[in-house]
């Protein structure tokens, strides 16, 4: 018995399309071989979403750490410019982390 190369459901012998997902039988894309019975199909979507979440947490956490460090800058007029710059760096890092997470998940859902 043959199985759908897209969703893995069993195919009828004379079926031209998969009844489950509508994928055309016999149309193979590059890198998607026919799935044989008993073969384990691995998905990398979960791993990729976990990596996106980890990167976002690292950027947001780093931004929070940078902003917390501004509390320890002395109240000397010499350091006034660095206080604002450090806060901006923290906010930028948090924004980058959120952008990675939101755009990365949006891209995963599209594919």
N, C-alpha and C. Protein backbone atom coordinates (compact mmCIF):
# COMPACT_ATOMS: atom_id res chain seq x y z
N UNK A 1 0.84 -1.18 0.00
CA UNK A 1 0.00 0.00 0.00
C UNK A 1 0.89 1.24 0.00
N UNK A 2 0.52 2.24 -0.78
CA UNK A 2 1.26 3.50 -0.86
C UNK A 2 0.65 4.50 0.12
N UNK A 3 1.49 5.46 0.52
CA UNK A 3 1.07 6.50 1.45
C UNK A 3 1.36 7.86 0.84
N UNK A 4 0.56 8.84 1.23
CA UNK A 4 0.71 10.21 0.73
C UNK A 4 2.06 10.77 1.18
N UNK A 5 2.78 11.40 0.24
CA UNK A 5 4.08 11.97 0.57
C UNK A 5 3.96 13.27 1.35
N UNK A 6 2.76 13.85 1.40
CA UNK A 6 2.57 15.11 2.13
C UNK A 6 2.06 14.89 3.55
N UNK A 7 0.99 14.09 3.70
CA UNK A 7 0.40 13.92 5.04
C UNK A 7 0.60 12.52 5.62
N UNK A 8 0.99 11.54 4.81
CA UNK A 8 1.27 10.20 5.31
C UNK A 8 0.08 9.28 5.40
N UNK A 9 -1.11 9.72 4.97
CA UNK A 9 -2.28 8.85 5.05
C UNK A 9 -2.26 7.83 3.91
N UNK A 10 -2.91 6.67 4.11
CA UNK A 10 -2.91 5.63 3.07
C UNK A 10 -3.64 6.09 1.81
N UNK A 11 -3.13 5.67 0.65
CA UNK A 11 -3.74 6.02 -0.63
C UNK A 11 -4.37 4.78 -1.26
N UNK A 12 -5.49 4.97 -1.92
CA UNK A 12 -6.10 3.90 -2.70
C UNK A 12 -5.19 3.64 -3.90
N UNK A 13 -5.22 2.43 -4.42
CA UNK A 13 -4.34 2.06 -5.53
C UNK A 13 -4.61 2.89 -6.79
N UNK A 14 -5.90 3.21 -7.06
CA UNK A 14 -6.23 3.93 -8.29
C UNK A 14 -6.48 5.42 -8.06
N UNK A 15 -6.24 5.92 -6.86
CA UNK A 15 -6.51 7.33 -6.54
C UNK A 15 -5.46 8.24 -7.17
N UNK A 16 -5.93 9.34 -7.75
CA UNK A 16 -5.02 10.32 -8.34
C UNK A 16 -4.63 11.38 -7.31
N UNK A 17 -5.50 11.58 -6.30
CA UNK A 17 -5.25 12.58 -5.26
C UNK A 17 -5.47 11.95 -3.89
N UNK A 18 -4.81 12.49 -2.90
CA UNK A 18 -4.99 12.03 -1.52
C UNK A 18 -6.36 12.50 -1.03
N UNK A 19 -7.12 11.59 -0.42
CA UNK A 19 -8.44 11.95 0.10
C UNK A 19 -8.33 12.83 1.34
N UNK A 20 -7.23 12.77 2.03
CA UNK A 20 -7.06 13.52 3.27
C UNK A 20 -6.65 14.97 3.02
N UNK A 21 -5.60 15.19 2.23
CA UNK A 21 -5.06 16.55 2.04
C UNK A 21 -5.20 17.08 0.62
N UNK A 22 -5.56 16.23 -0.34
CA UNK A 22 -5.74 16.68 -1.72
C UNK A 22 -4.46 16.75 -2.53
N UNK A 23 -3.36 16.26 -1.97
CA UNK A 23 -2.07 16.27 -2.68
C UNK A 23 -2.14 15.31 -3.86
N UNK A 24 -1.61 15.74 -5.02
CA UNK A 24 -1.65 14.92 -6.22
C UNK A 24 -0.70 13.74 -6.08
N UNK A 25 -1.20 12.57 -6.35
CA UNK A 25 -0.37 11.37 -6.27
C UNK A 25 0.60 11.35 -7.43
N UNK A 26 1.82 11.01 -7.13
CA UNK A 26 2.83 10.93 -8.17
C UNK A 26 3.56 12.24 -8.38
N UNK A 27 3.02 13.34 -7.85
CA UNK A 27 3.75 14.61 -7.97
C UNK A 27 4.67 14.70 -6.77
N UNK A 28 5.93 14.53 -7.03
CA UNK A 28 6.92 14.57 -5.96
C UNK A 28 7.73 15.84 -6.10
N UNK A 29 7.85 16.53 -4.99
CA UNK A 29 8.69 17.72 -4.99
C UNK A 29 10.08 17.32 -4.55
N UNK A 30 11.02 18.18 -4.81
CA UNK A 30 12.41 17.90 -4.44
C UNK A 30 12.52 17.68 -2.94
N UNK A 31 13.06 16.58 -2.53
CA UNK A 31 13.27 16.31 -1.11
C UNK A 31 12.08 15.70 -0.40
N UNK A 32 11.00 15.35 -1.11
CA UNK A 32 9.87 14.71 -0.45
C UNK A 32 9.61 13.35 -1.09
N UNK A 33 10.34 12.33 -0.66
CA UNK A 33 10.16 11.00 -1.25
C UNK A 33 8.85 10.38 -0.81
N UNK A 34 8.45 9.31 -1.51
CA UNK A 34 7.25 8.58 -1.14
C UNK A 34 7.48 7.93 0.22
N UNK A 35 6.51 8.06 1.09
CA UNK A 35 6.63 7.51 2.43
C UNK A 35 6.14 6.07 2.40
N UNK A 36 6.99 5.16 2.82
CA UNK A 36 6.64 3.74 2.85
C UNK A 36 6.04 3.39 4.20
N UNK A 37 5.29 2.33 4.25
CA UNK A 37 4.66 1.89 5.49
C UNK A 37 5.73 1.53 6.51
N UNK A 38 5.52 1.96 7.75
CA UNK A 38 6.46 1.69 8.83
C UNK A 38 7.60 2.69 8.91
N UNK A 39 7.68 3.61 7.97
CA UNK A 39 8.75 4.60 7.97
C UNK A 39 8.38 5.75 8.92
N UNK A 40 9.34 6.21 9.67
CA UNK A 40 9.11 7.30 10.61
C UNK A 40 9.36 8.62 9.89
N UNK A 41 8.38 9.51 9.96
CA UNK A 41 8.49 10.83 9.33
C UNK A 41 8.79 11.84 10.42
N UNK A 42 9.89 12.57 10.28
CA UNK A 42 10.29 13.56 11.27
C UNK A 42 9.89 14.95 10.81
N UNK A 43 9.40 15.74 11.73
CA UNK A 43 9.07 17.13 11.44
C UNK A 43 10.04 18.03 12.18
N UNK A 44 10.51 19.07 11.51
CA UNK A 44 11.43 20.02 12.15
C UNK A 44 10.72 21.28 12.61
N UNK A 45 9.41 21.35 12.42
CA UNK A 45 8.68 22.56 12.80
C UNK A 45 8.76 22.82 14.29
N UNK A 46 8.61 21.80 15.12
CA UNK A 46 8.67 21.99 16.56
C UNK A 46 10.05 22.47 16.99
N UNK A 47 11.08 21.89 16.43
CA UNK A 47 12.44 22.29 16.77
C UNK A 47 12.68 23.74 16.37
N UNK A 48 12.19 24.12 15.22
CA UNK A 48 12.38 25.48 14.75
C UNK A 48 11.63 26.46 15.62
N UNK A 49 10.40 26.14 16.02
CA UNK A 49 9.65 27.06 16.88
C UNK A 49 10.29 27.16 18.26
N UNK A 50 10.89 26.08 18.74
CA UNK A 50 11.60 26.14 20.01
C UNK A 50 12.83 27.02 19.90
N UNK A 51 13.53 26.94 18.78
CA UNK A 51 14.70 27.78 18.59
C UNK A 51 14.31 29.25 18.51
N UNK A 52 13.20 29.55 17.84
CA UNK A 52 12.73 30.94 17.76
C UNK A 52 12.39 31.47 19.15
N UNK A 53 11.71 30.65 19.93
CA UNK A 53 11.34 31.06 21.28
C UNK A 53 12.58 31.30 22.13
N UNK A 54 13.57 30.44 22.02
CA UNK A 54 14.80 30.61 22.78
C UNK A 54 15.53 31.89 22.38
N UNK A 55 15.62 32.16 21.08
CA UNK A 55 16.28 33.39 20.63
C UNK A 55 15.53 34.62 21.13
N UNK A 56 14.20 34.59 21.07
CA UNK A 56 13.41 35.73 21.53
C UNK A 56 13.61 35.95 23.03
N UNK A 57 13.62 34.86 23.81
CA UNK A 57 13.84 34.99 25.25
C UNK A 57 15.22 35.55 25.54
N UNK A 58 16.21 35.12 24.77
CA UNK A 58 17.57 35.63 24.98
C UNK A 58 17.64 37.14 24.70
N UNK A 59 17.03 37.59 23.60
CA UNK A 59 17.08 39.02 23.28
C UNK A 59 16.29 39.85 24.28
N UNK A 60 15.08 39.39 24.64
CA UNK A 60 14.27 40.14 25.60
C UNK A 60 14.93 40.13 26.97
N UNK A 61 15.44 38.97 27.39
CA UNK A 61 16.15 38.89 28.67
C UNK A 61 17.40 39.75 28.68
N UNK A 62 18.13 39.75 27.58
CA UNK A 62 19.32 40.61 27.49
C UNK A 62 18.95 42.08 27.57
N UNK A 63 17.85 42.44 26.91
CA UNK A 63 17.38 43.83 26.98
C UNK A 63 16.99 44.23 28.38
N UNK A 64 16.31 43.32 29.09
CA UNK A 64 15.95 43.61 30.48
C UNK A 64 17.19 43.75 31.36
N UNK A 65 18.17 42.89 31.13
CA UNK A 65 19.41 42.98 31.92
C UNK A 65 20.13 44.31 31.65
N UNK A 66 20.18 44.73 30.40
CA UNK A 66 20.82 46.00 30.06
C UNK A 66 20.09 47.15 30.74
N UNK A 67 18.75 47.10 30.72
CA UNK A 67 17.99 48.18 31.34
C UNK A 67 18.15 48.17 32.86
N UNK A 68 18.26 46.99 33.46
CA UNK A 68 18.49 46.93 34.91
C UNK A 68 19.87 47.47 35.28
N UNK A 69 20.82 47.30 34.37
CA UNK A 69 22.17 47.80 34.64
C UNK A 69 22.20 49.33 34.70
N UNK A 70 21.24 49.99 34.06
CA UNK A 70 21.21 51.45 34.12
C UNK A 70 20.94 51.95 35.53
N UNK A 71 20.33 51.12 36.36
CA UNK A 71 20.07 51.53 37.75
C UNK A 71 21.37 51.63 38.53
N UNK A 72 22.42 50.95 38.08
CA UNK A 72 23.69 50.96 38.81
C UNK A 72 24.69 51.97 38.26
N UNK A 73 24.28 52.75 37.25
CA UNK A 73 25.17 53.80 36.75
C UNK A 73 25.13 54.95 37.75
N UNK A 74 26.27 55.45 38.18
CA UNK A 74 26.28 56.53 39.19
C UNK A 74 25.56 57.78 38.69
N UNK A 75 25.04 58.57 39.64
CA UNK A 75 24.33 59.80 39.32
C UNK A 75 25.30 60.96 39.08
N UNK A 76 26.34 60.71 38.40
CA UNK A 76 27.35 61.71 38.07
C UNK A 76 26.99 62.32 36.71
N UNK A 77 27.11 63.64 36.53
CA UNK A 77 26.79 64.24 35.22
C UNK A 77 27.61 63.64 34.07
N UNK A 78 28.75 63.07 34.37
CA UNK A 78 29.59 62.46 33.34
C UNK A 78 28.87 61.28 32.67
N UNK A 79 28.03 60.57 33.43
CA UNK A 79 27.36 59.36 32.94
C UNK A 79 25.94 59.61 32.42
N UNK A 80 25.49 60.87 32.34
CA UNK A 80 24.12 61.14 31.92
C UNK A 80 23.83 60.64 30.50
N UNK A 81 24.77 60.83 29.59
CA UNK A 81 24.55 60.38 28.21
C UNK A 81 24.51 58.85 28.11
N UNK A 82 25.32 58.18 28.90
CA UNK A 82 25.36 56.71 28.82
C UNK A 82 24.11 56.08 29.39
N UNK A 83 23.43 56.76 30.33
CA UNK A 83 22.20 56.21 30.89
C UNK A 83 21.12 56.11 29.80
N UNK A 84 20.96 57.15 29.03
CA UNK A 84 19.97 57.13 27.96
C UNK A 84 20.33 56.14 26.86
N UNK A 85 21.61 56.07 26.52
CA UNK A 85 22.06 55.15 25.48
C UNK A 85 21.86 53.70 25.92
N UNK A 86 22.14 53.41 27.18
CA UNK A 86 21.97 52.04 27.69
C UNK A 86 20.50 51.66 27.68
N UNK A 87 19.63 52.59 28.05
CA UNK A 87 18.20 52.31 28.02
C UNK A 87 17.73 52.04 26.59
N UNK A 88 18.20 52.84 25.64
CA UNK A 88 17.84 52.62 24.24
C UNK A 88 18.35 51.27 23.73
N UNK A 89 19.55 50.88 24.13
CA UNK A 89 20.08 49.58 23.72
C UNK A 89 19.22 48.45 24.28
N UNK A 90 18.78 48.58 25.52
CA UNK A 90 17.91 47.57 26.12
C UNK A 90 16.58 47.47 25.41
N UNK A 91 15.99 48.63 25.11
CA UNK A 91 14.71 48.62 24.38
C UNK A 91 14.87 48.06 22.98
N UNK A 92 15.97 48.39 22.31
CA UNK A 92 16.21 47.85 20.97
C UNK A 92 16.38 46.34 21.01
N UNK A 93 17.08 45.84 22.00
CA UNK A 93 17.27 44.39 22.13
C UNK A 93 15.94 43.69 22.37
N UNK A 94 15.09 44.28 23.21
CA UNK A 94 13.78 43.69 23.46
C UNK A 94 12.92 43.73 22.19
N UNK A 95 12.99 44.81 21.44
CA UNK A 95 12.24 44.91 20.19
C UNK A 95 12.70 43.89 19.16
N UNK A 96 14.00 43.68 19.08
CA UNK A 96 14.54 42.68 18.15
C UNK A 96 14.06 41.28 18.55
N UNK A 97 14.07 40.99 19.85
CA UNK A 97 13.59 39.69 20.32
C UNK A 97 12.13 39.46 19.99
N UNK A 98 11.29 40.47 20.22
CA UNK A 98 9.88 40.33 19.89
C UNK A 98 9.66 40.19 18.38
N UNK A 99 10.43 40.94 17.59
CA UNK A 99 10.30 40.83 16.14
C UNK A 99 10.71 39.45 15.65
N UNK A 100 11.78 38.89 16.20
CA UNK A 100 12.21 37.54 15.82
C UNK A 100 11.10 36.54 16.12
N UNK A 101 10.50 36.65 17.30
CA UNK A 101 9.47 35.70 17.69
C UNK A 101 8.22 35.84 16.82
N UNK A 102 7.73 37.07 16.65
CA UNK A 102 6.49 37.27 15.90
C UNK A 102 6.67 36.94 14.42
N UNK A 103 7.71 37.48 13.79
CA UNK A 103 7.92 37.22 12.37
C UNK A 103 8.32 35.77 12.10
N UNK A 104 9.07 35.17 13.02
CA UNK A 104 9.45 33.77 12.85
C UNK A 104 8.26 32.84 12.92
N UNK A 105 7.36 33.07 13.89
CA UNK A 105 6.16 32.23 13.99
C UNK A 105 5.23 32.47 12.81
N UNK A 106 5.14 33.70 12.34
CA UNK A 106 4.32 33.99 11.17
C UNK A 106 4.85 33.25 9.95
N UNK A 107 6.16 33.21 9.81
CA UNK A 107 6.77 32.51 8.69
C UNK A 107 6.56 31.00 8.80
N UNK A 108 6.63 30.45 10.01
CA UNK A 108 6.41 29.01 10.19
C UNK A 108 4.97 28.63 9.85
N UNK A 109 4.01 29.48 10.22
CA UNK A 109 2.62 29.17 9.95
C UNK A 109 2.31 29.23 8.45
N UNK A 110 3.02 30.07 7.72
CA UNK A 110 2.81 30.17 6.27
C UNK A 110 3.26 28.91 5.56
N UNK A 111 4.25 28.22 6.08
CA UNK A 111 4.80 27.04 5.41
C UNK A 111 4.30 25.86 6.12
